[in-house]
Amino acid sequence: MDDLLARIWADLMGRVDGPMSFRLVLQPAVAVILAVRAGLHDARTGRPAYGWAVFTDPLHRRDLLREGWKAIAKVFVMAVVIDVGYQLLVLRAIYPFEALVIAFLLACVPYLLVRGPVNRLMRLRRRPAERRLT
C-alpha cells in the first residue's frame, strides 16, 4: 500500500513539468470561465451561492449537483483524456484513478471555488444600485 501511495504521489508531482504541462493552466482556466458564467447567471436570477446551496439545501442538492456536473462535464472528460494521453506518453501505462484525481483537481475544484464567490460579488455590487432606484 505504501508503494502504491508513493507511486501515485510521485506521478502526480511529475505532471507539474515536462510534456503537456500547459493543461495545468488551460483546464482550470476553462473551468473558471464556466464558473464565472454560471455565477453571473446565478446572481441575475437571485439564486444563492452555489457551494453554499449544495451543502445547506438538501431538497435541491441533487438538482444543483446535476446542473454543476452538466456545466463542467466536458472539461472534466477532456482533463481525463489529456491525462491519459500524458500517462501513455510519459509513464507508458494508464492509471485510471490518477487520471480521475487530476481531472477533479483541474476541472471541478476551480469551478466549485469560483462560482459561489462570483455570485456573491455580483449581488453585492448590484445592491447599491438597487437602493438608489427606490
Protein backbone atom coordinates (compact mmCIF):
# COMPACT_ATOMS: atom_id res chain seq x y z
CA MET A 1 0.00 0.00 0.00
CA ASP A 2 2.84 2.39 0.84
CA ASP A 3 4.45 1.67 -2.54
CA LEU A 4 1.16 2.45 -4.28
CA LEU A 5 0.72 5.77 -2.47
CA ALA A 6 4.35 6.69 -3.11
CA ARG A 7 3.96 5.95 -6.84
CA ILE A 8 0.73 7.94 -7.05
CA TRP A 9 2.30 10.91 -5.26
CA ALA A 10 5.42 10.80 -7.45
CA ASP A 11 3.30 10.53 -10.61
CA LEU A 12 1.09 13.44 -9.54
CA MET A 13 4.07 15.67 -8.77
CA GLY A 14 5.75 14.66 -12.03
CA ARG A 15 2.90 16.21 -14.00
CA VAL A 16 3.92 19.74 -12.97
CA ASP A 17 6.70 19.98 -15.50
CA GLY A 18 7.53 18.18 -18.69
CA PRO A 19 5.34 17.45 -21.66
CA MET A 20 1.77 18.71 -21.73
CA SER A 21 2.19 20.90 -18.65
CA PHE A 22 0.08 23.58 -20.42
CA ARG A 23 -3.02 21.69 -19.34
CA LEU A 24 -2.32 22.62 -15.72
CA VAL A 25 -3.18 26.20 -16.68
CA LEU A 26 -5.61 25.69 -19.54
CA GLN A 27 -8.06 23.30 -17.89
CA PRO A 28 -8.52 25.31 -14.66
CA ALA A 29 -8.85 28.47 -16.77
CA VAL A 30 -11.70 26.93 -18.76
CA ALA A 31 -13.34 25.74 -15.54
CA VAL A 32 -13.04 29.25 -14.08
CA ILE A 33 -14.61 30.80 -17.19
CA LEU A 34 -17.53 28.38 -16.94
CA ALA A 35 -17.87 29.10 -13.21
CA VAL A 36 -17.90 32.87 -13.80
CA ARG A 37 -20.63 32.48 -16.41
CA ALA A 38 -22.69 30.30 -14.08
CA GLY A 39 -22.08 32.62 -11.11
CA LEU A 40 -23.23 35.64 -13.13
CA HIS A 41 -26.35 33.75 -14.16
CA ASP A 42 -26.99 32.78 -10.54
CA ALA A 43 -26.66 36.43 -9.47
CA ARG A 44 -29.04 37.63 -12.20
CA THR A 45 -31.66 35.07 -11.21
CA GLY A 46 -31.26 35.67 -7.46
CA ARG A 47 -30.04 32.19 -6.63
CA PRO A 48 -27.87 31.55 -3.55
CA ALA A 49 -24.15 30.90 -3.84
CA TYR A 50 -23.65 27.50 -5.47
CA GLY A 51 -21.36 25.79 -2.98
CA TRP A 52 -23.36 27.06 -0.03
CA ALA A 53 -26.63 25.87 -1.57
CA VAL A 54 -25.20 22.41 -2.30
CA PHE A 55 -24.27 21.97 1.37
CA THR A 56 -27.28 23.62 3.00
CA ASP A 57 -30.23 22.86 0.72
CA PRO A 58 -30.89 19.11 0.83
CA LEU A 59 -34.13 19.47 -1.17
CA HIS A 60 -32.34 20.91 -4.20
CA ARG A 61 -28.91 19.34 -3.72
CA ARG A 62 -29.38 16.69 -6.40
CA ASP A 63 -30.57 19.25 -8.96
CA LEU A 64 -27.71 21.60 -8.11
CA LEU A 65 -25.13 18.84 -8.44
CA ARG A 66 -26.65 17.72 -11.72
CA GLU A 67 -26.57 21.29 -13.04
CA GLY A 68 -22.97 21.76 -11.92
CA TRP A 69 -21.93 18.47 -13.48
CA LYS A 70 -23.68 19.40 -16.72
CA ALA A 71 -21.68 22.63 -16.83
CA ILE A 72 -18.30 21.09 -16.06
CA ALA A 73 -18.61 17.59 -17.58
CA LYS A 74 -16.89 18.40 -20.88
CA VAL A 75 -13.91 20.00 -19.14
CA PHE A 76 -13.69 17.03 -16.76
CA VAL A 77 -13.80 14.48 -19.58
CA MET A 78 -11.16 16.41 -21.54
CA ALA A 79 -8.99 16.53 -18.42
CA VAL A 80 -9.25 12.74 -18.12
CA VAL A 81 -8.47 12.21 -21.81
CA ILE A 82 -5.49 14.57 -21.74
CA ASP A 83 -4.13 12.99 -18.57
CA VAL A 84 -4.46 9.50 -20.06
CA GLY A 85 -2.52 10.80 -23.06
CA TYR A 86 0.12 12.18 -20.71
CA GLN A 87 0.31 8.85 -18.89
CA LEU A 88 0.78 6.93 -22.13
CA LEU A 89 3.41 9.37 -23.34
CA VAL A 90 5.43 9.70 -20.14
CA LEU A 91 4.57 6.78 -17.87
CA ARG A 92 3.94 4.18 -20.60
CA ALA A 93 0.96 2.92 -18.61
CA ILE A 94 -2.58 4.01 -17.73
CA TYR A 95 -3.59 4.66 -14.13
CA PRO A 96 -7.34 5.45 -14.16
CA PHE A 97 -7.53 6.57 -10.52
CA GLU A 98 -4.75 9.10 -11.07
CA ALA A 99 -6.49 10.41 -14.19
CA LEU A 100 -9.72 10.92 -12.24
CA VAL A 101 -7.92 12.68 -9.38
CA ILE A 102 -6.13 15.03 -11.78
CA ALA A 103 -9.34 15.74 -13.68
CA PHE A 104 -11.15 16.53 -10.43
CA LEU A 105 -8.36 18.86 -9.30
CA LEU A 106 -8.10 20.64 -12.66
CA ALA A 107 -11.78 20.93 -13.52
CA CYS A 108 -14.10 20.54 -10.54
CA VAL A 109 -12.16 22.26 -7.77
CA PRO A 110 -11.70 25.59 -9.63
CA TYR A 111 -15.36 25.52 -10.66
CA LEU A 112 -16.55 24.94 -7.09
CA LEU A 113 -14.23 27.60 -5.69
CA VAL A 114 -15.21 30.34 -8.17
CA ARG A 115 -18.93 30.02 -8.93
CA GLY A 116 -20.27 30.97 -5.49
CA PRO A 117 -17.97 33.96 -4.85
CA VAL A 118 -18.75 35.41 -8.31
CA ASN A 119 -22.45 35.21 -7.48
CA ARG A 120 -21.95 36.92 -4.12
CA LEU A 121 -19.73 39.67 -5.55
CA MET A 122 -22.20 40.46 -8.31
CA ARG A 123 -25.11 40.57 -5.88
CA LEU A 124 -23.15 42.89 -3.57
CA ARG A 125 -22.25 45.13 -6.49
CA ARG A 126 -25.87 45.41 -7.60
CA ARG A 127 -27.35 46.23 -4.18
CA PRO A 128 -26.21 49.87 -4.03
CA ALA A 129 -27.65 50.47 -7.50
CA GLU A 130 -30.95 48.91 -6.44
CA ARG A 131 -31.08 51.14 -3.35
CA ARG A 132 -30.61 54.30 -5.44
CA LEU A 133 -33.55 53.38 -7.63
CA THR A 134 -36.00 53.25 -4.71
